[in-house]
Amino acid sequence: MNEAEIKNQIRQLIASDKLDEAIQLLLAHTSEREKLDEIIIQLARFNKIKKEESNGTMPNSEINNELNLLRNNLLSFTRIENFIVKPPPNNLEYRVEDFVESFALSVTRVKVAEVFLSNLQTDKGITITAIMEQSKLDSRKLIVDFINELNSHGLIEKDKHEEKTLWRINEKGKRILEKRIKME
């Protein structure tokens, strides 16, 4: 989010009477110590107004006046303040463990897709155990996750046969997988 977008979001929050959120956003993106102190004072003022309102110790007209002053003060920060724009996430934070996990899932997808494509002639389908054996993959969980993913997109069919769950790629799935995986 750039500075103009931050200011616009704060203005929208003020317009929506979400003053607490506007103050929190101001605090998160203000760098000058002096300005931070001023915003904290506005937060204290807001909390005092809310407390007085909930206790019923301040007339509504006075509450409205105080809130209008607070809104005006918050808007003035958007006119004069230079906001901190946080940089995009650092790609170097992508850990080796993340890569290993992502790579394992990618390999699983390819190998399971190959097994489904090589078993197209099987009318009944194939069990997860058979997929594990044919793909030579160790992680049943990753295989099941990918099968569930295919199933959620309507690319495979599930059949029960003699207390076994059999999976078979359907025509839509076949077209998609064949486009992406070249069988040798």
N, C-alpha and C. Protein backbone atom coordinates (compact mmCIF):
# COMPACT_ATOMS: atom_id res chain seq x y z
N MET A 1 0.85 -1.16 0.00
CA MET A 1 0.00 0.00 0.00
C MET A 1 0.91 1.24 0.00
N ASN A 2 0.65 2.16 -0.93
CA ASN A 2 1.44 3.38 -0.97
C ASN A 2 0.84 4.44 -0.04
N GLU A 3 1.52 5.58 0.06
CA GLU A 3 1.10 6.63 1.01
C GLU A 3 -0.30 7.16 0.69
N ALA A 4 -0.58 7.38 -0.57
CA ALA A 4 -1.91 7.89 -0.95
C ALA A 4 -3.00 6.89 -0.57
N GLU A 5 -2.74 5.61 -0.75
CA GLU A 5 -3.72 4.58 -0.40
C GLU A 5 -3.94 4.52 1.11
N ILE A 6 -2.85 4.69 1.88
CA ILE A 6 -2.98 4.70 3.34
C ILE A 6 -3.86 5.87 3.78
N LYS A 7 -3.57 7.05 3.23
CA LYS A 7 -4.35 8.25 3.58
C LYS A 7 -5.81 8.07 3.19
N ASN A 8 -6.05 7.51 2.01
CA ASN A 8 -7.41 7.29 1.55
C ASN A 8 -8.14 6.31 2.46
N GLN A 9 -7.45 5.26 2.88
CA GLN A 9 -8.08 4.28 3.76
C GLN A 9 -8.42 4.92 5.11
N ILE A 10 -7.54 5.76 5.62
CA ILE A 10 -7.82 6.44 6.90
C ILE A 10 -9.04 7.34 6.73
N ARG A 11 -9.11 8.08 5.63
CA ARG A 11 -10.27 8.96 5.38
C ARG A 11 -11.56 8.14 5.31
N GLN A 12 -11.50 6.98 4.64
CA GLN A 12 -12.69 6.12 4.54
C GLN A 12 -13.12 5.61 5.91
N LEU A 13 -12.15 5.26 6.74
CA LEU A 13 -12.48 4.79 8.09
C LEU A 13 -13.13 5.90 8.91
N ILE A 14 -12.61 7.10 8.77
CA ILE A 14 -13.20 8.25 9.49
C ILE A 14 -14.62 8.48 8.99
N ALA A 15 -14.80 8.44 7.67
CA ALA A 15 -16.14 8.64 7.08
C ALA A 15 -17.12 7.56 7.53
N SER A 16 -16.61 6.36 7.77
CA SER A 16 -17.46 5.25 8.22
C SER A 16 -17.62 5.23 9.73
N ASP A 17 -17.09 6.25 10.39
CA ASP A 17 -17.14 6.39 11.85
C ASP A 17 -16.42 5.25 12.56
N LYS A 18 -15.38 4.73 11.92
CA LYS A 18 -14.54 3.70 12.53
C LYS A 18 -13.27 4.40 13.02
N LEU A 19 -13.45 5.26 13.99
CA LEU A 19 -12.36 6.11 14.46
C LEU A 19 -11.24 5.32 15.11
N ASP A 20 -11.60 4.28 15.84
CA ASP A 20 -10.58 3.47 16.50
C ASP A 20 -9.66 2.83 15.45
N GLU A 21 -10.24 2.30 14.37
CA GLU A 21 -9.43 1.69 13.31
C GLU A 21 -8.58 2.74 12.60
N ALA A 22 -9.14 3.93 12.40
CA ALA A 22 -8.38 5.01 11.76
C ALA A 22 -7.18 5.39 12.61
N ILE A 23 -7.38 5.47 13.91
CA ILE A 23 -6.28 5.81 14.82
C ILE A 23 -5.21 4.72 14.80
N GLN A 24 -5.63 3.47 14.81
CA GLN A 24 -4.66 2.35 14.78
C GLN A 24 -3.84 2.38 13.48
N LEU A 25 -4.48 2.71 12.37
CA LEU A 25 -3.77 2.80 11.10
C LEU A 25 -2.79 3.97 11.11
N LEU A 26 -3.21 5.08 11.69
CA LEU A 26 -2.31 6.23 11.83
C LEU A 26 -1.09 5.84 12.66
N LEU A 27 -1.32 5.17 13.77
CA LEU A 27 -0.21 4.75 14.63
C LEU A 27 0.75 3.81 13.91
N ALA A 28 0.19 2.91 13.12
CA ALA A 28 1.01 1.91 12.43
C ALA A 28 1.89 2.52 11.34
N HIS A 29 1.46 3.67 10.79
CA HIS A 29 2.18 4.23 9.65
C HIS A 29 2.81 5.59 9.92
N THR A 30 2.90 5.98 11.17
CA THR A 30 3.52 7.26 11.51
C THR A 30 4.89 7.00 12.10
N SER A 31 5.86 7.78 11.63
CA SER A 31 7.23 7.55 12.08
C SER A 31 7.74 8.62 13.06
N GLU A 32 7.27 9.85 12.91
CA GLU A 32 7.78 10.94 13.76
C GLU A 32 7.28 10.78 15.19
N ARG A 33 8.20 10.84 16.12
CA ARG A 33 7.88 10.66 17.54
C ARG A 33 6.85 11.68 18.01
N GLU A 34 7.03 12.93 17.59
CA GLU A 34 6.13 14.00 17.98
C GLU A 34 4.70 13.72 17.49
N LYS A 35 4.59 13.29 16.24
CA LYS A 35 3.28 12.99 15.66
C LYS A 35 2.65 11.78 16.35
N LEU A 36 3.48 10.78 16.68
CA LEU A 36 2.97 9.61 17.40
C LEU A 36 2.36 10.03 18.73
N ASP A 37 3.04 10.93 19.43
CA ASP A 37 2.51 11.42 20.71
C ASP A 37 1.17 12.11 20.51
N GLU A 38 1.05 12.90 19.45
CA GLU A 38 -0.21 13.59 19.17
C GLU A 38 -1.34 12.60 18.86
N ILE A 39 -1.00 11.56 18.13
CA ILE A 39 -2.01 10.54 17.80
C ILE A 39 -2.42 9.78 19.05
N ILE A 40 -1.46 9.50 19.93
CA ILE A 40 -1.78 8.82 21.19
C ILE A 40 -2.71 9.67 22.03
N ILE A 41 -2.49 10.98 22.01
CA ILE A 41 -3.38 11.89 22.74
C ILE A 41 -4.80 11.81 22.14
N GLN A 42 -4.89 11.73 20.82
CA GLN A 42 -6.20 11.60 20.17
C GLN A 42 -6.87 10.27 20.54
N LEU A 43 -6.07 9.22 20.66
CA LEU A 43 -6.60 7.92 21.07
C LEU A 43 -7.14 8.00 22.49
N ALA A 44 -6.40 8.65 23.37
CA ALA A 44 -6.85 8.81 24.76
C ALA A 44 -8.16 9.62 24.78
N ARG A 45 -8.21 10.64 23.96
CA ARG A 45 -9.42 11.48 23.88
C ARG A 45 -10.61 10.64 23.40
N PHE A 46 -10.38 9.82 22.38
CA PHE A 46 -11.43 8.96 21.86
C PHE A 46 -11.93 7.99 22.94
N ASN A 47 -10.99 7.38 23.65
CA ASN A 47 -11.36 6.43 24.70
C ASN A 47 -12.15 7.12 25.81
N LYS A 48 -11.77 8.35 26.15
CA LYS A 48 -12.49 9.11 27.18
C LYS A 48 -13.91 9.42 26.72
N ILE A 49 -14.07 9.81 25.46
CA ILE A 49 -15.40 10.11 24.92
C ILE A 49 -16.27 8.86 24.97
N LYS A 50 -15.71 7.74 24.56
CA LYS A 50 -16.48 6.48 24.57
C LYS A 50 -16.87 6.08 25.99
N LYS A 51 -15.96 6.29 26.93
CA LYS A 51 -16.25 5.96 28.33
C LYS A 51 -17.36 6.85 28.86
N GLU A 52 -17.26 8.13 28.58
CA GLU A 52 -18.29 9.09 29.02
C GLU A 52 -19.64 8.73 28.39
N GLU A 53 -19.61 8.35 27.13
CA GLU A 53 -20.84 7.98 26.44
C GLU A 53 -21.47 6.75 27.05
N SER A 54 -20.67 5.73 27.34
CA SER A 54 -21.22 4.49 27.91
C SER A 54 -21.70 4.68 29.34
N ASN A 55 -21.04 5.59 30.07
CA ASN A 55 -21.48 5.89 31.45
C ASN A 55 -22.67 6.82 31.48
N GLY A 56 -22.94 7.49 30.37
CA GLY A 56 -24.04 8.45 30.32
C GLY A 56 -23.75 9.73 31.06
N THR A 57 -22.48 10.05 31.24
CA THR A 57 -22.09 11.24 32.01
C THR A 57 -21.83 12.47 31.15
N MET A 58 -21.99 12.33 29.83
CA MET A 58 -21.77 13.47 28.94
C MET A 58 -22.99 13.58 28.03
N PRO A 59 -23.52 14.77 27.86
CA PRO A 59 -24.69 14.93 26.97
C PRO A 59 -24.33 14.57 25.53
N ASN A 60 -25.32 14.08 24.79
CA ASN A 60 -25.09 13.67 23.40
C ASN A 60 -24.55 14.80 22.54
N SER A 61 -25.01 16.01 22.77
CA SER A 61 -24.55 17.13 21.96
C SER A 61 -23.05 17.37 22.18
N GLU A 62 -22.61 17.23 23.43
CA GLU A 62 -21.20 17.40 23.73
C GLU A 62 -20.37 16.24 23.15
N ILE A 63 -20.92 15.03 23.22
CA ILE A 63 -20.25 13.87 22.63
C ILE A 63 -20.06 14.09 21.13
N ASN A 64 -21.13 14.54 20.46
CA ASN A 64 -21.04 14.80 19.02
C ASN A 64 -20.00 15.87 18.70
N ASN A 65 -19.96 16.94 19.51
CA ASN A 65 -18.96 17.99 19.29
C ASN A 65 -17.54 17.44 19.46
N GLU A 66 -17.34 16.65 20.50
CA GLU A 66 -16.01 16.09 20.76
C GLU A 66 -15.59 15.13 19.64
N LEU A 67 -16.54 14.30 19.19
CA LEU A 67 -16.23 13.37 18.10
C LEU A 67 -15.92 14.12 16.81
N ASN A 68 -16.65 15.21 16.54
CA ASN A 68 -16.36 16.01 15.35
C ASN A 68 -14.98 16.64 15.42
N LEU A 69 -14.60 17.14 16.59
CA LEU A 69 -13.25 17.68 16.76
C LEU A 69 -12.20 16.59 16.54
N LEU A 70 -12.46 15.42 17.08
CA LEU A 70 -11.55 14.29 16.92
C LEU A 70 -11.42 13.91 15.44
N ARG A 71 -12.54 13.83 14.73
CA ARG A 71 -12.51 13.52 13.30
C ARG A 71 -11.66 14.55 12.55
N ASN A 72 -11.88 15.82 12.87
CA ASN A 72 -11.13 16.89 12.22
C ASN A 72 -9.62 16.76 12.49
N ASN A 73 -9.27 16.45 13.74
CA ASN A 73 -7.86 16.28 14.09
C ASN A 73 -7.25 15.10 13.35
N LEU A 74 -7.99 14.01 13.26
CA LEU A 74 -7.49 12.84 12.54
C LEU A 74 -7.31 13.14 11.06
N LEU A 75 -8.25 13.85 10.48
CA LEU A 75 -8.13 14.22 9.07
C LEU A 75 -6.93 15.13 8.84
N SER A 76 -6.63 15.99 9.81
CA SER A 76 -5.47 16.88 9.64
C SER A 76 -4.18 16.08 9.56
N PHE A 77 -4.11 14.95 10.25
CA PHE A 77 -2.92 14.10 10.14
C PHE A 77 -2.75 13.58 8.71
N THR A 78 -3.85 13.28 8.04
CA THR A 78 -3.74 12.76 6.67
C THR A 78 -3.28 13.85 5.70
N ARG A 79 -3.47 15.13 6.06
CA ARG A 79 -3.03 16.21 5.18
C ARG A 79 -1.56 16.55 5.37
N ILE A 80 -1.05 16.41 6.59
CA ILE A 80 0.31 16.88 6.85
C ILE A 80 1.32 15.78 7.09
N GLU A 81 0.87 14.63 7.46
CA GLU A 81 1.80 13.56 7.86
C GLU A 81 2.36 12.82 6.66
N ASN A 82 3.66 12.52 6.71
CA ASN A 82 4.29 11.60 5.77
C ASN A 82 4.26 10.23 6.41
N PHE A 83 3.61 9.30 5.75
CA PHE A 83 3.40 7.99 6.35
C PHE A 83 4.50 7.01 5.96
N ILE A 84 4.73 6.08 6.86
CA ILE A 84 5.66 4.98 6.59
C ILE A 84 4.94 4.02 5.65
N VAL A 85 5.58 3.72 4.55
CA VAL A 85 5.04 2.72 3.63
C VAL A 85 5.88 1.47 3.81
N LYS A 86 5.23 0.43 4.29
CA LYS A 86 5.96 -0.80 4.55
C LYS A 86 6.32 -1.49 3.24
N PRO A 87 7.56 -1.95 3.12
CA PRO A 87 7.96 -2.61 1.87
C PRO A 87 7.25 -3.95 1.71
N PRO A 88 7.17 -4.43 0.48
CA PRO A 88 6.56 -5.75 0.27
C PRO A 88 7.36 -6.82 1.00
N PRO A 89 6.74 -7.96 1.28
CA PRO A 89 7.45 -9.02 2.00
C PRO A 89 8.75 -9.40 1.28
N ASN A 90 9.74 -9.71 2.08
CA ASN A 90 11.05 -10.08 1.56
C ASN A 90 11.01 -11.53 1.10
N ASN A 91 11.32 -11.75 -0.17
CA ASN A 91 11.30 -13.12 -0.70
C ASN A 91 12.39 -13.99 -0.09
N LEU A 92 13.38 -13.38 0.55
CA LEU A 92 14.44 -14.16 1.17
C LEU A 92 13.93 -14.91 2.40
N GLU A 93 12.74 -14.53 2.87
CA GLU A 93 12.16 -15.20 4.02
C GLU A 93 11.59 -16.58 3.65
N TYR A 94 11.63 -16.91 2.37
CA TYR A 94 11.18 -18.22 1.92
C TYR A 94 12.22 -19.23 2.38
N ARG A 95 11.86 -19.99 3.39
CA ARG A 95 12.81 -20.89 4.03
C ARG A 95 13.01 -22.17 3.21
N VAL A 96 14.11 -22.82 3.47
CA VAL A 96 14.40 -24.10 2.81
C VAL A 96 13.29 -25.10 3.11
N GLU A 97 12.78 -25.09 4.33
CA GLU A 97 11.71 -26.01 4.71
C GLU A 97 10.47 -25.78 3.86
N ASP A 98 10.19 -24.48 3.56
CA ASP A 98 9.05 -24.16 2.71
C ASP A 98 9.26 -24.72 1.30
N PHE A 99 10.48 -24.59 0.81
CA PHE A 99 10.80 -25.11 -0.52
C PHE A 99 10.63 -26.63 -0.55
N VAL A 100 11.16 -27.31 0.46
CA VAL A 100 11.08 -28.77 0.52
C VAL A 100 9.62 -29.23 0.50
N GLU A 101 8.79 -28.57 1.29
CA GLU A 101 7.37 -28.92 1.36
C GLU A 101 6.67 -28.66 0.02
N SER A 102 6.95 -27.53 -0.58
CA SER A 102 6.35 -27.18 -1.87
C SER A 102 6.82 -28.14 -2.96
N PHE A 103 8.10 -28.47 -2.93
CA PHE A 103 8.66 -29.39 -3.92
C PHE A 103 8.03 -30.77 -3.79
N ALA A 104 7.87 -31.25 -2.55
CA ALA A 104 7.27 -32.56 -2.32
C ALA A 104 5.84 -32.61 -2.87
N LEU A 105 5.09 -31.54 -2.67
CA LEU A 105 3.72 -31.49 -3.18
C LEU A 105 3.72 -31.48 -4.71
N SER A 106 4.64 -30.74 -5.31
CA SER A 106 4.73 -30.70 -6.78
C SER A 106 5.06 -32.07 -7.36
N VAL A 107 6.03 -32.75 -6.76
CA VAL A 107 6.41 -34.09 -7.23
C VAL A 107 5.23 -35.04 -7.08
N THR A 108 4.53 -34.94 -5.96
CA THR A 108 3.37 -35.81 -5.72
C THR A 108 2.32 -35.59 -6.80
N ARG A 109 2.03 -34.34 -7.11
CA ARG A 109 1.03 -34.04 -8.13
C ARG A 109 1.40 -34.67 -9.47
N VAL A 110 2.64 -34.50 -9.87
CA VAL A 110 3.08 -35.04 -11.16
C VAL A 110 3.01 -36.56 -11.17
N LYS A 111 3.53 -37.19 -10.14
CA LYS A 111 3.58 -38.67 -10.12
C LYS A 111 2.17 -39.28 -10.03
N VAL A 112 1.30 -38.68 -9.22
CA VAL A 112 -0.07 -39.20 -9.12
C VAL A 112 -0.80 -38.98 -10.44
N ALA A 113 -0.59 -37.85 -11.07
CA ALA A 113 -1.20 -37.60 -12.38
C ALA A 113 -0.74 -38.64 -13.39
N GLU A 114 0.55 -38.96 -13.37
CA GLU A 114 1.08 -39.98 -14.27
C GLU A 114 0.43 -41.34 -14.01
N VAL A 115 0.23 -41.68 -12.75
CA VAL A 115 -0.41 -42.96 -12.40
C VAL A 115 -1.84 -42.98 -12.93
N PHE A 116 -2.59 -41.89 -12.71
CA PHE A 116 -3.96 -41.85 -13.21
C PHE A 116 -3.99 -42.00 -14.74
N LEU A 117 -3.10 -41.31 -15.43
CA LEU A 117 -3.08 -41.39 -16.89
C LEU A 117 -2.67 -42.77 -17.39
N SER A 118 -1.76 -43.43 -16.68
CA SER A 118 -1.34 -44.77 -17.12
C SER A 118 -2.38 -45.84 -16.80
N ASN A 119 -3.37 -45.51 -15.96
CA ASN A 119 -4.41 -46.47 -15.59
C ASN A 119 -5.76 -46.11 -16.21
N LEU A 120 -5.74 -45.44 -17.34
CA LEU A 120 -7.00 -45.03 -17.97
C LEU A 120 -7.84 -46.23 -18.40
N GLN A 121 -7.21 -47.32 -18.73
CA GLN A 121 -7.95 -48.50 -19.20
C GLN A 121 -8.65 -49.22 -18.05
N THR A 122 -8.23 -48.96 -16.83
CA THR A 122 -8.83 -49.62 -15.68
C THR A 122 -10.24 -49.06 -15.48
N ASP A 123 -11.23 -49.90 -15.70
CA ASP A 123 -12.61 -49.45 -15.60
C ASP A 123 -13.02 -49.14 -14.16
N LYS A 124 -12.51 -49.93 -13.25
CA LYS A 124 -12.94 -49.79 -11.86
C LYS A 124 -12.29 -48.62 -11.14
N GLY A 125 -11.07 -48.31 -11.47
CA GLY A 125 -10.33 -47.27 -10.76
C GLY A 125 -9.15 -47.88 -10.03
N ILE A 126 -8.55 -47.08 -9.16
CA ILE A 126 -7.32 -47.50 -8.49
C ILE A 126 -7.37 -47.03 -7.04
N THR A 127 -6.83 -47.83 -6.14
CA THR A 127 -6.81 -47.47 -4.72
C THR A 127 -5.62 -46.55 -4.42
N ILE A 128 -5.68 -45.90 -3.29
CA ILE A 128 -4.57 -45.04 -2.87
C ILE A 128 -3.32 -45.87 -2.64
N THR A 129 -3.48 -47.07 -2.10
CA THR A 129 -2.33 -47.96 -1.89
C THR A 129 -1.67 -48.30 -3.23
N ALA A 130 -2.48 -48.57 -4.24
CA ALA A 130 -1.93 -48.87 -5.57
C ALA A 130 -1.24 -47.64 -6.16
N ILE A 131 -1.81 -46.48 -5.92
CA ILE A 131 -1.18 -45.24 -6.39
C ILE A 131 0.18 -45.07 -5.72
N MET A 132 0.25 -45.36 -4.42
CA MET A 132 1.52 -45.27 -3.70
C MET A 132 2.55 -46.22 -4.30
N GLU A 133 2.12 -47.45 -4.56
CA GLU A 133 3.05 -48.45 -5.12
C GLU A 133 3.53 -48.06 -6.50
N GLN A 134 2.61 -47.64 -7.36
CA GLN A 134 2.99 -47.31 -8.74
C GLN A 134 3.80 -46.02 -8.84
N SER A 135 3.51 -45.06 -7.99
CA SER A 135 4.22 -43.78 -8.05
C SER A 135 5.55 -43.82 -7.28
N LYS A 136 5.67 -44.83 -6.39
CA LYS A 136 6.83 -44.96 -5.51
C LYS A 136 6.97 -43.75 -4.57
N LEU A 137 5.83 -43.19 -4.20
CA LEU A 137 5.81 -42.07 -3.25
C LEU A 137 5.63 -42.62 -1.84
N ASP A 138 6.20 -41.92 -0.88
CA ASP A 138 6.14 -42.37 0.51
C ASP A 138 4.99 -41.72 1.30
N SER A 139 4.57 -40.55 0.90
CA SER A 139 3.62 -39.80 1.71
C SER A 139 2.17 -40.03 1.26
N ARG A 140 1.48 -40.85 2.03
CA ARG A 140 0.07 -41.11 1.77
C ARG A 140 -0.73 -39.81 1.92
N LYS A 141 -0.34 -39.00 2.90
CA LYS A 141 -1.05 -37.74 3.16
C LYS A 141 -1.01 -36.83 1.94
N LEU A 142 0.16 -36.66 1.32
CA LEU A 142 0.26 -35.79 0.15
C LEU A 142 -0.56 -36.33 -1.01
N ILE A 143 -0.59 -37.65 -1.16
CA ILE A 143 -1.39 -38.27 -2.22
C ILE A 143 -2.87 -38.01 -1.97
N VAL A 144 -3.30 -38.22 -0.73
CA VAL A 144 -4.71 -38.00 -0.38
C VAL A 144 -5.07 -36.52 -0.58
N ASP A 145 -4.17 -35.63 -0.19
CA ASP A 145 -4.43 -34.19 -0.37
C ASP A 145 -4.64 -33.86 -1.84
N PHE A 146 -3.79 -34.42 -2.71
CA PHE A 146 -3.93 -34.14 -4.13
C PHE A 146 -5.20 -34.77 -4.70
N ILE A 147 -5.54 -35.97 -4.26
CA ILE A 147 -6.78 -36.62 -4.71
C ILE A 147 -7.98 -35.77 -4.28
N ASN A 148 -7.95 -35.28 -3.07
CA ASN A 148 -9.04 -34.41 -2.59
C ASN A 148 -9.11 -33.13 -3.43
N GLU A 149 -7.97 -32.61 -3.80
CA GLU A 149 -7.93 -31.41 -4.64
C GLU A 149 -8.56 -31.71 -6.01
N LEU A 150 -8.17 -32.82 -6.61
CA LEU A 150 -8.76 -33.22 -7.89
C LEU A 150 -10.26 -33.43 -7.76
N ASN A 151 -10.67 -34.07 -6.68
CA ASN A 151 -12.08 -34.36 -6.44
C ASN A 151 -12.88 -33.06 -6.26
N SER A 152 -12.31 -32.10 -5.54
CA SER A 152 -13.02 -30.84 -5.30
C SER A 152 -13.24 -30.06 -6.60
N HIS A 153 -12.41 -30.31 -7.60
CA HIS A 153 -12.56 -29.64 -8.90
C HIS A 153 -13.32 -30.50 -9.91
N GLY A 154 -13.82 -31.65 -9.45
CA GLY A 154 -14.61 -32.52 -10.32
C GLY A 154 -13.80 -33.17 -11.42
N LEU A 155 -12.53 -33.50 -11.13
CA LEU A 155 -11.65 -34.08 -12.15
C LEU A 155 -11.48 -35.58 -12.01
N ILE A 156 -11.95 -36.16 -10.90
CA ILE A 156 -11.87 -37.60 -10.71
C ILE A 156 -13.20 -38.09 -10.16
N GLU A 157 -13.36 -39.41 -10.23
CA GLU A 157 -14.58 -40.04 -9.72
C GLU A 157 -14.20 -41.06 -8.67
N LYS A 158 -15.09 -41.23 -7.73
CA LYS A 158 -14.85 -42.14 -6.60
C LYS A 158 -15.89 -43.26 -6.68
N ASP A 159 -15.40 -44.50 -6.56
CA ASP A 159 -16.30 -45.66 -6.56
C ASP A 159 -15.95 -46.54 -5.36
N LYS A 160 -16.98 -47.16 -4.79
CA LYS A 160 -16.77 -48.16 -3.73
C LYS A 160 -16.91 -49.53 -4.37
N HIS A 161 -15.90 -50.37 -4.14
CA HIS A 161 -15.94 -51.72 -4.70
C HIS A 161 -15.34 -52.68 -3.67
N GLU A 162 -16.18 -53.60 -3.16
CA GLU A 162 -15.75 -54.57 -2.16
C GLU A 162 -14.98 -53.92 -1.01
N GLU A 163 -15.58 -52.94 -0.39
CA GLU A 163 -15.03 -52.24 0.77
C GLU A 163 -13.76 -51.45 0.47
N LYS A 164 -13.47 -51.24 -0.79
CA LYS A 164 -12.31 -50.44 -1.19
C LYS A 164 -12.81 -49.19 -1.89
N THR A 165 -12.09 -48.10 -1.69
CA THR A 165 -12.40 -46.87 -2.42
C THR A 165 -11.49 -46.80 -3.62
N LEU A 166 -12.11 -46.70 -4.78
CA LEU A 166 -11.36 -46.66 -6.04
C LEU A 166 -11.53 -45.28 -6.67
N TRP A 167 -10.42 -44.77 -7.20
CA TRP A 167 -10.41 -43.46 -7.83
C TRP A 167 -10.09 -43.61 -9.31
N ARG A 168 -10.81 -42.83 -10.12
CA ARG A 168 -10.59 -42.88 -11.57
C ARG A 168 -10.68 -41.45 -12.11
N ILE A 169 -9.76 -41.14 -12.99
CA ILE A 169 -9.77 -39.81 -13.61
C ILE A 169 -10.93 -39.76 -14.61
N ASN A 170 -11.67 -38.66 -14.65
CA ASN A 170 -12.76 -38.55 -15.62
C ASN A 170 -12.25 -37.84 -16.89
N GLU A 171 -13.11 -37.65 -17.86
CA GLU A 171 -12.69 -37.06 -19.14
C GLU A 171 -12.14 -35.65 -18.98
N LYS A 172 -12.81 -34.86 -18.17
CA LYS A 172 -12.35 -33.49 -17.94
C LYS A 172 -10.95 -33.51 -17.31
N GLY A 173 -10.77 -34.34 -16.31
CA GLY A 173 -9.47 -34.48 -15.66
C GLY A 173 -8.41 -35.00 -16.62
N LYS A 174 -8.80 -35.95 -17.45
CA LYS A 174 -7.86 -36.53 -18.42
C LYS A 174 -7.35 -35.45 -19.36
N ARG A 175 -8.26 -34.63 -19.88
CA ARG A 175 -7.86 -33.56 -20.81
C ARG A 175 -6.88 -32.59 -20.15
N ILE A 176 -7.18 -32.21 -18.92
CA ILE A 176 -6.32 -31.25 -18.21
C ILE A 176 -4.96 -31.86 -17.92
N LEU A 177 -4.94 -33.09 -17.39
CA LEU A 177 -3.66 -33.72 -17.03
C LEU A 177 -2.82 -34.04 -18.27
N GLU A 178 -3.47 -34.50 -19.34
CA GLU A 178 -2.72 -34.82 -20.55
C GLU A 178 -2.07 -33.59 -21.16
N LYS A 179 -2.73 -32.44 -21.03
CA LYS A 179 -2.16 -31.19 -21.54
C LYS A 179 -0.86 -30.84 -20.81
N ARG A 180 -0.81 -31.14 -19.54
CA ARG A 180 0.31 -30.72 -18.71
C ARG A 180 1.39 -31.77 -18.54
N ILE A 181 1.03 -33.04 -18.71
CA ILE A 181 2.00 -34.11 -18.45
C ILE A 181 2.20 -34.88 -19.74
N LYS A 182 3.39 -34.92 -20.20
CA LYS A 182 3.73 -35.67 -21.42
C LYS A 182 4.11 -37.09 -21.03
N MET A 183 3.32 -38.05 -21.48
CA MET A 183 3.63 -39.45 -21.19
C MET A 183 4.60 -39.96 -22.23
N GLU A 184 5.63 -40.67 -21.81
CA GLU A 184 6.61 -41.22 -22.75
C GLU A 184 6.32 -42.67 -23.03
